[in-house]
PDB file of N, CA and C in Angstrom:
ATOM      1  N   UNK A   1      69.994 293.520 111.928  1.00  0.00           N
ATOM      2  CA  UNK A   1      70.544 292.415 112.160  1.00  0.00           C
ATOM      3  C   UNK A   1      69.401 291.293 112.459  1.00  0.00           C
ATOM      4  N   UNK A   2      68.432 291.546 112.968  1.00  0.00           N
ATOM      5  CA  UNK A   2      67.307 290.500 113.240  1.00  0.00           C
ATOM      6  C   UNK A   2      66.703 290.199 111.823  1.00  0.00           C
ATOM      7  N   UNK A   3      66.986 291.224 110.645  1.00  0.00           N
ATOM      8  CA  UNK A   3      66.198 290.554 109.463  1.00  0.00           C
ATOM      9  C   UNK A   3      67.428 289.551 108.686  1.00  0.00           C
ATOM     10  N   UNK A   4      68.398 289.675 108.943  1.00  0.00           N
ATOM     11  CA  UNK A   4      69.151 288.667 108.327  1.00  0.00           C
ATOM     12  C   UNK A   4      69.389 287.360 109.371  1.00  0.00           C
ATOM     13  N   UNK A   5      68.769 287.328 110.331  1.00  0.00           N
ATOM     14  CA  UNK A   5      68.396 286.189 111.276  1.00  0.00           C
ATOM     15  C   UNK A   5      69.214 286.108 112.492  1.00  0.00           C
ATOM     16  N   UNK A   6      70.086 287.191 112.990  1.00  0.00           N
ATOM     17  CA  UNK A   6      70.827 287.041 113.862  1.00  0.00           C
ATOM     18  C   UNK A   6      70.312 287.841 115.065  1.00  0.00           C
ATOM     19  N   UNK A   7      70.432 287.405 116.148  1.00  0.00           N
ATOM     20  CA  UNK A   7      70.124 288.255 117.505  1.00  0.00           C
ATOM     21  C   UNK A   7      71.183 289.326 117.679  1.00  0.00           C
ATOM     22  N   UNK A   8      70.633 290.363 118.139  1.00  0.00           N
ATOM     23  CA  UNK A   8      71.366 291.739 118.504  1.00  0.00           C
ATOM     24  C   UNK A   8      72.198 291.301 119.568  1.00  0.00           C
ATOM     25  N   UNK A   9      73.620 291.590 120.106  1.00  0.00           N
ATOM     26  CA  UNK A   9      74.198 291.453 121.151  1.00  0.00           C
ATOM     27  C   UNK A   9      73.805 292.579 122.085  1.00  0.00           C
ATOM     28  N   UNK A  10      73.167 292.300 123.351  1.00  0.00           N
ATOM     29  CA  UNK A  10      73.079 292.834 124.467  1.00  0.00           C
ATOM     30  C   UNK A  10      74.295 293.581 124.916  1.00  0.00           C
ATOM     31  N   UNK A  11      74.212 294.942 125.106  1.00  0.00           N
ATOM     32  CA  UNK A  11      75.272 295.693 125.734  1.00  0.00           C
ATOM     33  C   UNK A  11      76.137 295.295 126.880  1.00  0.00           C
ATOM     34  N   UNK A  12      75.517 294.582 127.621  1.00  0.00           N
ATOM     35  CA  UNK A  12      76.316 294.061 128.677  1.00  0.00           C
ATOM     36  C   UNK A  12      77.360 293.251 128.199  1.00  0.00           C
ATOM     37  N   UNK A  13      77.305 292.664 126.980  1.00  0.00           N
ATOM     38  CA  UNK A  13      78.238 291.469 126.277  1.00  0.00           C
ATOM     39  C   UNK A  13      79.139 292.160 125.590  1.00  0.00           C
ATOM     40  N   UNK A  14      78.981 293.293 125.254  1.00  0.00           N
ATOM     41  CA  UNK A  14      79.948 294.116 124.205  1.00  0.00           C
ATOM     42  C   UNK A  14      81.037 294.378 124.842  1.00  0.00           C
ATOM     43  N   UNK A  15      82.478 294.151 124.039  1.00  0.00           N
ATOM     44  CA  UNK A  15      83.595 294.371 124.507  1.00  0.00           C
ATOM     45  C   UNK A  15      83.743 295.885 125.138  1.00  0.00           C
ATOM     46  N   UNK A  16      84.797 295.984 126.367  1.00  0.00           N
ATOM     47  CA  UNK A  16      84.791 297.505 126.498  1.00  0.00           C
ATOM     48  C   UNK A  16      86.107 297.988 125.812  1.00  0.00           C
ATOM     49  N   UNK A  17      86.770 296.959 125.228  1.00  0.00           N
ATOM     50  CA  UNK A  17      88.147 297.366 124.486  1.00  0.00           C
ATOM     51  C   UNK A  17      87.788 298.763 123.369  1.00  0.00           C
ATOM     52  N   UNK A  18      88.551 299.809 123.566  1.00  0.00           N
ATOM     53  CA  UNK A  18      88.079 300.710 122.529  1.00  0.00           C
ATOM     54  C   UNK A  18      88.520 300.435 121.042  1.00  0.00           C
ATOM     55  N   UNK A  19      89.724 299.631 121.004  1.00  0.00           N
ATOM     56  CA  UNK A  19      90.473 299.273 119.773  1.00  0.00           C
ATOM     57  C   UNK A  19      89.514 298.093 118.978  1.00  0.00           C
ATOM     58  N   UNK A  20      88.915 297.201 120.114  1.00  0.00           N
ATOM     59  CA  UNK A  20      88.422 296.170 119.416  1.00  0.00           C
ATOM     60  C   UNK A  20      86.994 296.659 118.643  1.00  0.00           C
ATOM     61  N   UNK A  21      86.364 297.412 119.556  1.00  0.00           N
ATOM     62  CA  UNK A  21      85.108 298.085 119.146  1.00  0.00           C
ATOM     63  C   UNK A  21      85.215 299.308 118.203  1.00  0.00           C
ATOM     64  N   UNK A  22      86.093 299.621 117.893  1.00  0.00           N
ATOM     65  CA  UNK A  22      86.352 300.857 116.814  1.00  0.00           C
ATOM     66  C   UNK A  22      86.535 299.981 115.584  1.00  0.00           C
ATOM     67  N   UNK A  23      86.850 298.896 115.513  1.00  0.00           N
ATOM     68  CA  UNK A  23      87.030 298.263 114.324  1.00  0.00           C
ATOM     69  C   UNK A  23      85.958 297.039 113.749  1.00  0.00           C
ATOM     70  N   UNK A  24      84.966 297.637 113.249  1.00  0.00           N
ATOM     71  CA  UNK A  24      83.921 296.363 113.153  1.00  0.00           C
ATOM     72  C   UNK A  24      84.045 295.452 112.259  1.00  0.00           C
ATOM     73  N   UNK A  25      83.720 294.171 112.479  1.00  0.00           N
ATOM     74  CA  UNK A  25      84.115 293.189 111.751  1.00  0.00           C
ATOM     75  C   UNK A  25      83.204 292.426 110.862  1.00  0.00           C
ATOM     76  N   UNK A  26      83.312 292.525 109.525  1.00  0.00           N
ATOM     77  CA  UNK A  26      82.027 292.485 108.717  1.00  0.00           C
ATOM     78  C   UNK A  26      81.858 290.749 109.067  1.00  0.00           C
ATOM     79  N   UNK A  27      80.389 290.559 108.794  1.00  0.00           N
ATOM     80  CA  UNK A  27      79.779 289.293 108.754  1.00  0.00           C
ATOM     81  C   UNK A  27      79.489 288.941 107.566  1.00  0.00           C
ATOM     82  N   UNK A  28      80.358 287.610 106.994  1.00  0.00           N
ATOM     83  CA  UNK A  28      80.370 287.345 105.915  1.00  0.00           C
ATOM     84  C   UNK A  28      79.801 285.794 105.847  1.00  0.00           C
ATOM     85  N   UNK A  29      78.810 285.463 105.032  1.00  0.00           N
ATOM     86  CA  UNK A  29      78.245 283.864 105.124  1.00  0.00           C
ATOM     87  C   UNK A  29      79.435 283.050 104.618  1.00  0.00           C
ATOM     88  N   UNK A  30      79.405 281.705 104.652  1.00  0.00           N
ATOM     89  CA  UNK A  30      80.805 280.986 104.399  1.00  0.00           C
ATOM     90  C   UNK A  30      80.530 281.017 102.575  1.00  0.00           C
ATOM     91  N   UNK A  31      81.772 281.030 102.167  1.00  0.00           N
ATOM     92  CA  UNK A  31      81.668 281.015 100.612  1.00  0.00           C
ATOM     93  C   UNK A  31      81.532 279.244 100.312  1.00  0.00           C
ATOM     94  N   UNK A  32      80.702 279.123  99.317  1.00  0.00           N
ATOM     95  CA  UNK A  32      80.426 277.433  98.742  1.00  0.00           C
ATOM     96  C   UNK A  32      80.936 277.602  97.451  1.00  0.00           C
ATOM     97  N   UNK A  33      82.294 277.112  97.267  1.00  0.00           N
ATOM     98  CA  UNK A  33      82.974 277.137  95.872  1.00  0.00           C
ATOM     99  C   UNK A  33      81.937 276.410  94.731  1.00  0.00           C
ATOM    100  N   UNK A  34      80.932 275.679  95.324  1.00  0.00           N
ATOM    101  CA  UNK A  34      80.081 274.632  94.220  1.00  0.00           C
ATOM    102  C   UNK A  34      79.204 275.687  93.665  1.00  0.00           C
ATOM    103  N   UNK A  35      79.130 277.043  94.374  1.00  0.00           N
ATOM    104  CA  UNK A  35      77.795 277.629  93.707  1.00  0.00           C
ATOM    105  C   UNK A  35      78.293 278.386  92.654  1.00  0.00           C
ATOM    106  N   UNK A  36      79.638 278.942  92.888  1.00  0.00           N
ATOM    107  CA  UNK A  36      80.306 280.060  91.379  1.00  0.00           C
ATOM    108  C   UNK A  36      80.276 279.204  90.238  1.00  0.00           C
ATOM    109  N   UNK A  37      80.059 279.623  89.103  1.00  0.00           N
ATOM    110  CA  UNK A  37      79.989 279.026  88.086  1.00  0.00           C
ATOM    111  C   UNK A  37      81.633 278.520  87.333  1.00  0.00           C
ATOM    112  N   UNK A  38      81.744 277.550  86.977  1.00  0.00           N
ATOM    113  CA  UNK A  38      83.361 277.632  86.535  1.00  0.00           C
ATOM    114  C   UNK A  38      83.140 278.153  85.012  1.00  0.00           C
ATOM    115  N   UNK A  39      84.510 278.350  84.514  1.00  0.00           N
ATOM    116  CA  UNK A  39      84.584 278.789  82.956  1.00  0.00           C
ATOM    117  C   UNK A  39      83.712 278.027  82.147  1.00  0.00           C
ATOM    118  N   UNK A  40      83.757 276.467  82.417  1.00  0.00           N
ATOM    119  CA  UNK A  40      82.919 275.802  81.203  1.00  0.00           C
ATOM    120  C   UNK A  40      81.840 276.011  81.233  1.00  0.00           C
ATOM    121  N   UNK A  41      80.901 276.540  82.490  1.00  0.00           N
ATOM    122  CA  UNK A  41      79.569 276.697  82.776  1.00  0.00           C
ATOM    123  C   UNK A  41      79.098 277.545  81.783  1.00  0.00           C
ATOM    124  N   UNK A  42      79.969 278.709  81.760  1.00  0.00           N
ATOM    125  CA  UNK A  42      79.654 279.913  81.124  1.00  0.00           C
ATOM    126  C   UNK A  42      79.563 279.786  79.521  1.00  0.00           C
ATOM    127  N   UNK A  43      80.158 278.753  79.010  1.00  0.00           N
ATOM    128  CA  UNK A  43      80.188 278.431  77.830  1.00  0.00           C
ATOM    129  C   UNK A  43      78.806 278.279  76.974  1.00  0.00           C
ATOM    130  N   UNK A  44      78.904 278.378  75.894  1.00  0.00           N
ATOM    131  CA  UNK A  44      77.460 277.939  75.141  1.00  0.00           C
ATOM    132  C   UNK A  44      77.251 276.297  75.076  1.00  0.00           C
ATOM    133  N   UNK A  45      76.051 275.890  75.278  1.00  0.00           N
ATOM    134  CA  UNK A  45      75.908 274.562  75.038  1.00  0.00           C
ATOM    135  C   UNK A  45      75.883 273.948  73.457  1.00  0.00           C
ATOM    136  N   UNK A  46      75.785 272.968  73.221  1.00  0.00           N
ATOM    137  CA  UNK A  46      75.837 272.352  71.782  1.00  0.00           C
ATOM    138  C   UNK A  46      74.450 272.825  71.506  1.00  0.00           C
ATOM    139  N   UNK A  47      73.475 272.866  71.772  1.00  0.00           N
ATOM    140  CA  UNK A  47      72.194 273.155  71.295  1.00  0.00           C
ATOM    141  C   UNK A  47      72.428 274.899  70.908  1.00  0.00           C
ATOM    142  N   UNK A  48      72.948 275.406  71.580  1.00  0.00           N
ATOM    143  CA  UNK A  48      73.198 277.026  71.114  1.00  0.00           C
ATOM    144  C   UNK A  48      73.715 276.918  70.225  1.00  0.00           C
ATOM    145  N   UNK A  49      75.038 276.246  69.907  1.00  0.00           N
ATOM    146  CA  UNK A  49      76.016 276.015  69.096  1.00  0.00           C
ATOM    147  C   UNK A  49      75.130 275.668  67.209  1.00  0.00           C
ATOM    148  N   UNK A  50      74.478 275.073  67.531  1.00  0.00           N
ATOM    149  CA  UNK A  50      73.492 274.452  66.577  1.00  0.00           C
ATOM    150  C   UNK A  50      72.403 275.676  65.880  1.00  0.00           C
ATOM    151  N   UNK A  51      71.904 276.168  67.133  1.00  0.00           N
ATOM    152  CA  UNK A  51      71.193 277.522  66.792  1.00  0.00           C
ATOM    153  C   UNK A  51      71.759 278.642  66.108  1.00  0.00           C
ATOM    154  N   UNK A  52      73.081 278.800  66.709  1.00  0.00           N
ATOM    155  CA  UNK A  52      74.037 279.856  66.150  1.00  0.00           C
ATOM    156  C   UNK A  52      74.452 279.414  64.689  1.00  0.00           C
ATOM    157  N   UNK A  53      74.556 278.275  64.270  1.00  0.00           N
ATOM    158  CA  UNK A  53      75.025 277.660  62.752  1.00  0.00           C
ATOM    159  C   UNK A  53      73.635 277.908  61.878  1.00  0.00           C
ATOM    160  N   UNK A  54      72.728 277.251  62.373  1.00  0.00           N
ATOM    161  CA  UNK A  54      71.283 277.797  61.708  1.00  0.00           C
ATOM    162  C   UNK A  54      71.266 279.179  61.294  1.00  0.00           C
ATOM    163  N   UNK A  55      71.303 280.019  62.231  1.00  0.00           N
ATOM    164  CA  UNK A  55      71.295 281.516  62.019  1.00  0.00           C
ATOM    165  C   UNK A  55      71.905 282.036  61.073  1.00  0.00           C
ATOM    166  N   UNK A  56      73.005 281.539  61.103  1.00  0.00           N
ATOM    167  CA  UNK A  56      74.273 282.099  60.194  1.00  0.00           C
ATOM    168  C   UNK A  56      73.630 281.648  58.697  1.00  0.00           C
ATOM    169  N   UNK A  57      73.517 280.092  58.510  1.00  0.00           N
ATOM    170  CA  UNK A  57      73.171 279.907  57.547  1.00  0.00           C
ATOM    171  C   UNK A  57      71.517 280.480  56.890  1.00  0.00           C
ATOM    172  N   UNK A  58      70.675 280.836  57.656  1.00  0.00           N
ATOM    173  CA  UNK A  58      69.345 281.451  57.631  1.00  0.00           C
ATOM    174  C   UNK A  58      69.967 282.911  56.792  1.00  0.00           C
ATOM    175  N   UNK A  59      70.573 283.461  57.821  1.00  0.00           N
ATOM    176  CA  UNK A  59      71.133 284.775  57.375  1.00  0.00           C
ATOM    177  C   UNK A  59      71.700 285.168  55.892  1.00  0.00           C
ATOM    178  N   UNK A  60      72.271 283.839  55.550  1.00  0.00           N
ATOM    179  CA  UNK A  60      72.788 283.973  54.029  1.00  0.00           C
ATOM    180  C   UNK A  60      74.438 284.496  54.293  1.00  0.00           C
ATOM    181  N   UNK A  61      74.680 284.360  55.595  1.00  0.00           N
ATOM    182  CA  UNK A  61      76.152 284.796  55.625  1.00  0.00           C
ATOM    183  C   UNK A  61      76.935 283.743  55.343  1.00  0.00           C
ATOM    184  N   UNK A  62      78.272 284.192  55.159  1.00  0.00           N
ATOM    185  CA  UNK A  62      79.462 283.101  54.844  1.00  0.00           C
ATOM    186  C   UNK A  62      79.925 282.588  56.480  1.00  0.00           C
ATOM    187  N   UNK A  63      79.828 281.474  56.720  1.00  0.00           N
ATOM    188  CA  UNK A  63      79.992 280.745  57.969  1.00  0.00           C
ATOM    189  C   UNK A  63      81.439 281.300  58.095  1.00  0.00           C
ATOM    190  N   UNK A  64      82.700 280.777  57.055  1.00  0.00           N
ATOM    191  CA  UNK A  64      83.805 281.125  57.345  1.00  0.00           C
ATOM    192  C   UNK A  64      84.160 282.555  57.539  1.00  0.00           C
ATOM    193  N   UNK A  65      83.814 283.408  57.250  1.00  0.00           N
ATOM    194  CA  UNK A  65      83.773 284.746  57.607  1.00  0.00           C
ATOM    195  C   UNK A  65      83.273 285.309  59.274  1.00  0.00           C
ATOM    196  N   UNK A  66      82.105 284.701  59.464  1.00  0.00           N
ATOM    197  CA  UNK A  66      81.648 285.058  60.689  1.00  0.00           C
ATOM    198  C   UNK A  66      82.657 284.082  61.607  1.00  0.00           C
ATOM    199  N   UNK A  67      83.117 283.263  61.432  1.00  0.00           N
ATOM    200  CA  UNK A  67      84.140 282.388  62.146  1.00  0.00           C
ATOM    201  C   UNK A  67      85.271 283.253  62.241  1.00  0.00           C
ATOM    202  N   UNK A  68      85.842 283.480  61.314  1.00  0.00           N
ATOM    203  CA  UNK A  68      87.181 284.409  61.535  1.00  0.00           C
ATOM    204  C   UNK A  68      87.113 285.861  62.115  1.00  0.00           C
ATOM    205  N   UNK A  69      86.065 286.143  62.298  1.00  0.00           N
ATOM    206  CA  UNK A  69      85.592 287.430  62.867  1.00  0.00           C
ATOM    207  C   UNK A  69      85.349 287.470  64.528  1.00  0.00           C
ATOM    208  N   UNK A  70      84.831 286.122  64.661  1.00  0.00           N
ATOM    209  CA  UNK A  70      84.875 285.708  66.098  1.00  0.00           C
ATOM    210  C   UNK A  70      86.028 285.201  66.357  1.00  0.00           C
ATOM    211  N   UNK A  71      87.069 284.653  65.704  1.00  0.00           N
ATOM    212  CA  UNK A  71      88.414 284.297  66.168  1.00  0.00           C
ATOM    213  C   UNK A  71      89.098 285.732  66.516  1.00  0.00           C
ATOM    214  N   UNK A  72      89.190 286.605  65.509  1.00  0.00           N
ATOM    215  CA  UNK A  72      89.894 287.944  65.865  1.00  0.00           C
ATOM    216  C   UNK A  72      89.124 288.694  66.884  1.00  0.00           C
ATOM    217  N   UNK A  73      88.184 288.671  66.997  1.00  0.00           N
ATOM    218  CA  UNK A  73      87.537 289.512  68.042  1.00  0.00           C
ATOM    219  C   UNK A  73      87.749 289.155  69.584  1.00  0.00           C
ATOM    220  N   UNK A  74      87.575 287.636  69.693  1.00  0.00           N
ATOM    221  CA  UNK A  74      87.478 287.123  70.779  1.00  0.00           C
ATOM    222  C   UNK A  74      88.416 286.164  71.139  1.00  0.00           C
ATOM    223  N   UNK A  75      89.253 286.037  70.233  1.00  0.00           N
ATOM    224  CA  UNK A  75      90.417 285.143  70.507  1.00  0.00           C
ATOM    225  C   UNK A  75      89.977 283.519  70.933  1.00  0.00           C
ATOM    226  N   UNK A  76      89.088 283.064  70.116  1.00  0.00           N
ATOM    227  CA  UNK A  76      88.402 281.665  70.676  1.00  0.00           C
ATOM    228  C   UNK A  76      88.497 280.899  69.160  1.00  0.00           C
ATOM    229  N   UNK A  77      88.775 279.629  69.329  1.00  0.00           N
ATOM    230  CA  UNK A  77      88.967 278.628  68.232  1.00  0.00           C
ATOM    231  C   UNK A  77      87.804 278.567  67.336  1.00  0.00           C
ATOM    232  N   UNK A  78      86.625 278.324  68.370  1.00  0.00           N
ATOM    233  CA  UNK A  78      85.551 277.692  67.575  1.00  0.00           C
ATOM    234  C   UNK A  78      84.274 278.361  68.256  1.00  0.00           C
ATOM    235  N   UNK A  79      82.912 278.031  67.719  1.00  0.00           N
ATOM    236  CA  UNK A  79      81.647 278.660  68.055  1.00  0.00           C
ATOM    237  C   UNK A  79      81.519 278.152  69.615  1.00  0.00           C
ATOM    238  N   UNK A  80      82.017 276.727  69.662  1.00  0.00           N
ATOM    239  CA  UNK A  80      81.749 276.530  70.868  1.00  0.00           C
ATOM    240  C   UNK A  80      82.377 276.706  72.119  1.00  0.00           C
ATOM    241  N   UNK A  81      83.254 277.471  72.127  1.00  0.00           N
ATOM    242  CA  UNK A  81      84.103 278.203  72.871  1.00  0.00           C
ATOM    243  C   UNK A  81      83.763 279.611  73.136  1.00  0.00           C
ATOM    244  N   UNK A  82      82.643 280.164  72.820  1.00  0.00           N
ATOM    245  CA  UNK A  82      81.700 281.308  72.951  1.00  0.00           C
ATOM    246  C   UNK A  82      81.211 281.354  74.513  1.00  0.00           C
ATOM    247  N   UNK A  83      81.292 282.369  75.068  1.00  0.00           N
ATOM    248  CA  UNK A  83      80.461 282.196  76.265  1.00  0.00           C
ATOM    249  C   UNK A  83      79.226 282.862  76.038  1.00  0.00           C
ATOM    250  N   UNK A  84      78.295 282.698  76.870  1.00  0.00           N
ATOM    251  CA  UNK A  84      77.042 283.220  76.613  1.00  0.00           C
ATOM    252  C   UNK A  84      76.724 284.773  76.228  1.00  0.00           C
ATOM    253  N   UNK A  85      77.579 285.808  76.824  1.00  0.00           N
ATOM    254  CA  UNK A  85      77.406 286.793  76.338  1.00  0.00           C
ATOM    255  C   UNK A  85      78.014 286.989  75.440  1.00  0.00           C
ATOM    256  N   UNK A  86      79.019 286.426  74.562  1.00  0.00           N
ATOM    257  CA  UNK A  86      79.668 286.624  73.375  1.00  0.00           C
ATOM    258  C   UNK A  86      78.775 286.262  72.449  1.00  0.00           C
ATOM    259  N   UNK A  87      78.021 285.170  72.880  1.00  0.00           N
ATOM    260  CA  UNK A  87      76.859 284.618  71.620  1.00  0.00           C
ATOM    261  C   UNK A  87      75.836 285.480  71.385  1.00  0.00           C
ATOM    262  N   UNK A  88      75.250 286.273  72.432  1.00  0.00           N
ATOM    263  CA  UNK A  88      74.260 287.348  72.323  1.00  0.00           C
ATOM    264  C   UNK A  88      75.008 288.592  71.561  1.00  0.00           C
ATOM    265  N   UNK A  89      76.326 288.988  71.527  1.00  0.00           N
ATOM    266  CA  UNK A  89      76.588 290.022  70.900  1.00  0.00           C
ATOM    267  C   UNK A  89      76.635 289.714  69.241  1.00  0.00           C
ATOM    268  N   UNK A  90      77.211 288.262  69.303  1.00  0.00           N
ATOM    269  CA  UNK A  90      77.471 287.785  67.816  1.00  0.00           C
ATOM    270  C   UNK A  90      76.162 287.550  67.078  1.00  0.00           C
ATOM    271  N   UNK A  91      74.908 287.165  67.826  1.00  0.00           N
ATOM    272  CA  UNK A  91      73.375 287.386  67.506  1.00  0.00           C
ATOM    273  C   UNK A  91      73.420 288.482  67.085  1.00  0.00           C
ATOM    274  N   UNK A  92      73.365 289.509  67.466  1.00  0.00           N
ATOM    275  CA  UNK A  92      73.038 291.027  67.405  1.00  0.00           C
ATOM    276  C   UNK A  92      74.094 291.291  66.201  1.00  0.00           C
ATOM    277  N   UNK A  93      75.274 291.228  66.207  1.00  0.00           N
ATOM    278  CA  UNK A  93      75.998 291.555  65.063  1.00  0.00           C
ATOM    279  C   UNK A  93      75.668 290.780  63.719  1.00  0.00           C
ATOM    280  N   UNK A  94      75.450 289.396  63.857  1.00  0.00           N
ATOM    281  CA  UNK A  94      74.837 288.857  62.612  1.00  0.00           C
ATOM    282  C   UNK A  94      73.532 289.770  61.811  1.00  0.00           C
ATOM    283  N   UNK A  95      72.612 289.853  62.944  1.00  0.00           N
ATOM    284  CA  UNK A  95      71.677 290.585  62.423  1.00  0.00           C
ATOM    285  C   UNK A  95      71.807 292.029  61.685  1.00  0.00           C
ATOM    286  N   UNK A  96      72.565 292.298  62.504  1.00  0.00           N
ATOM    287  CA  UNK A  96      72.969 294.032  61.555  1.00  0.00           C
ATOM    288  C   UNK A  96      74.047 293.553  60.090  1.00  0.00           C
ATOM    289  N   UNK A  97      74.650 292.602  60.118  1.00  0.00           N
ATOM    290  CA  UNK A  97      75.506 291.981  58.930  1.00  0.00           C
ATOM    291  C   UNK A  97      74.116 291.678  57.939  1.00  0.00           C
ATOM    292  N   UNK A  98      73.454 290.985  58.347  1.00  0.00           N
ATOM    293  CA  UNK A  98      72.493 290.472  57.368  1.00  0.00           C
ATOM    294  C   UNK A  98      71.515 291.880  57.008  1.00  0.00           C
ATOM    295  N   UNK A  99      71.164 292.659  57.666  1.00  0.00           N
ATOM    296  CA  UNK A  99      70.509 293.949  57.193  1.00  0.00           C
ATOM    297  C   UNK A  99      71.582 294.992  56.311  1.00  0.00           C
ATOM    298  N   UNK A 100      72.426 294.739  56.713  1.00  0.00           N
ATOM    299  CA  UNK A 100      73.537 295.384  55.759  1.00  0.00           C
ATOM    300  C   UNK A 100      73.936 294.725  54.249  1.00  0.00           C
ATOM    301  N   UNK A 101      73.809 293.431  54.328  1.00  0.00           N
ATOM    302  CA  UNK A 101      73.836 292.896  52.889  1.00  0.00           C
ATOM    303  C   UNK A 101      72.367 292.912  52.321  1.00  0.00           C
ATOM    304  N   UNK A 102      71.216 292.928  52.833  1.00  0.00           N
ATOM    305  CA  UNK A 102      70.124 293.230  52.126  1.00  0.00           C
ATOM    306  C   UNK A 102      69.693 294.441  51.772  1.00  0.00           C
ATOM    307  N   UNK A 103      70.321 295.187  52.343  1.00  0.00           N
ATOM    308  CA  UNK A 103      69.679 297.027  52.142  1.00  0.00           C
ATOM    309  C   UNK A 103      70.227 297.038  50.685  1.00  0.00           C
ATOM    310  N   UNK A 104      71.341 296.692  49.760  1.00  0.00           N
ATOM    311  CA  UNK A 104      71.398 296.911  48.708  1.00  0.00           C
ATOM    312  C   UNK A 104      70.357 296.442  47.656  1.00  0.00           C
ATOM    313  N   UNK A 105      70.164 295.131  47.899  1.00  0.00           N
ATOM    314  CA  UNK A 105      69.107 294.516  47.457  1.00  0.00           C
ATOM    315  C   UNK A 105      67.536 295.082  47.348  1.00  0.00           C
ATOM    316  N   UNK A 106      67.481 295.620  48.503  1.00  0.00           N
ATOM    317  CA  UNK A 106      66.245 296.249  48.849  1.00  0.00           C
ATOM    318  C   UNK A 106      66.148 297.381  48.178  1.00  0.00           C
ATOM    319  N   UNK A 107      67.166 298.042  48.097  1.00  0.00           N
ATOM    320  CA  UNK A 107      67.322 299.553  47.225  1.00  0.00           C
ATOM    321  C   UNK A 107      67.148 299.434  45.844  1.00  0.00           C
ATOM    322  N   UNK A 108      67.783 298.107  45.183  1.00  0.00           N
ATOM    323  CA  UNK A 108      67.645 297.949  43.926  1.00  0.00           C
ATOM    324  C   UNK A 108      66.109 297.599  43.465  1.00  0.00           C
ATOM    325  N   UNK A 109      65.524 296.854  44.302  1.00  0.00           N
ATOM    326  CA  UNK A 109      64.165 296.791  43.898  1.00  0.00           C
ATOM    327  C   UNK A 109      63.119 297.591  44.149  1.00  0.00           C
ATOM    328  N   UNK A 110      63.564 298.669  45.007  1.00  0.00           N
ATOM    329  CA  UNK A 110      62.799 299.903  45.072  1.00  0.00           C
ATOM    330  C   UNK A 110      63.043 301.024  43.857  1.00  0.00           C
ATOM    331  N   UNK A 111      64.252 300.720  43.766  1.00  0.00           N
ATOM    332  CA  UNK A 111      64.685 301.704  42.253  1.00  0.00           C
ATOM    333  C   UNK A 111      63.905 300.981  41.112  1.00  0.00           C
ATOM    334  N   UNK A 112      63.807 299.766  40.928  1.00  0.00           N
ATOM    335  CA  UNK A 112      63.276 299.292  39.668  1.00  0.00           C
ATOM    336  C   UNK A 112      61.876 299.516  39.891  1.00  0.00           C
ATOM    337  N   UNK A 113      61.003 299.310  41.129  1.00  0.00           N
ATOM    338  CA  UNK A 113      59.480 299.564  40.972  1.00  0.00           C
ATOM    339  C   UNK A 113      59.214 300.808  40.660  1.00  0.00           C
ATOM    340  N   UNK A 114      60.239 302.061  41.106  1.00  0.00           N
ATOM    341  CA  UNK A 114      60.299 303.242  41.023  1.00  0.00           C
ATOM    342  C   UNK A 114      60.302 303.495  39.368  1.00  0.00           C
ATOM    343  N   UNK A 115      61.206 303.119  38.840  1.00  0.00           N
ATOM    344  CA  UNK A 115      61.577 303.060  37.515  1.00  0.00           C
ATOM    345  C   UNK A 115      60.045 303.066  36.812  1.00  0.00           C
ATOM    346  N   UNK A 116      59.457 301.825  37.126  1.00  0.00           N
ATOM    347  CA  UNK A 116      58.807 300.850  36.130  1.00  0.00           C
ATOM    348  C   UNK A 116      57.204 302.117  36.079  1.00  0.00           C
ATOM    349  N   UNK A 117      56.901 302.945  37.371  1.00  0.00           N
ATOM    350  CA  UNK A 117      55.605 303.838  37.434  1.00  0.00           C
ATOM    351  C   UNK A 117      55.925 305.008  36.921  1.00  0.00           C
ATOM    352  N   UNK A 118      57.412 305.361  36.514  1.00  0.00           N
ATOM    353  CA  UNK A 118      57.627 306.608  35.816  1.00  0.00           C
ATOM    354  C   UNK A 118      57.322 306.203  34.388  1.00  0.00           C
TER     355      UNK A 118
END
């Protein structure tokens, strides 16, 4: 109790009623609603949306296909409606899609090099 900033109650001041003393009351700090993030606060920022758009373009993916996947997966209308958690998951997914699209091209180059050396 003293670590939390409270002084211990002396035994003399403790109630003698067994019902009251049998049910300990939790000590909770007052809730300040201003400290809780609102739903709007958890959405991505315009800068994050621009970064996402740039990442999609750089990966060579079709923006409309990515947007369609986002709408189906998370029931959101646009990228700006994504939460930060969803943005992180989408960036991972974009990396996976990019790798999957580049894999056949890379395999073709490897095959061509292999054919040339034979």
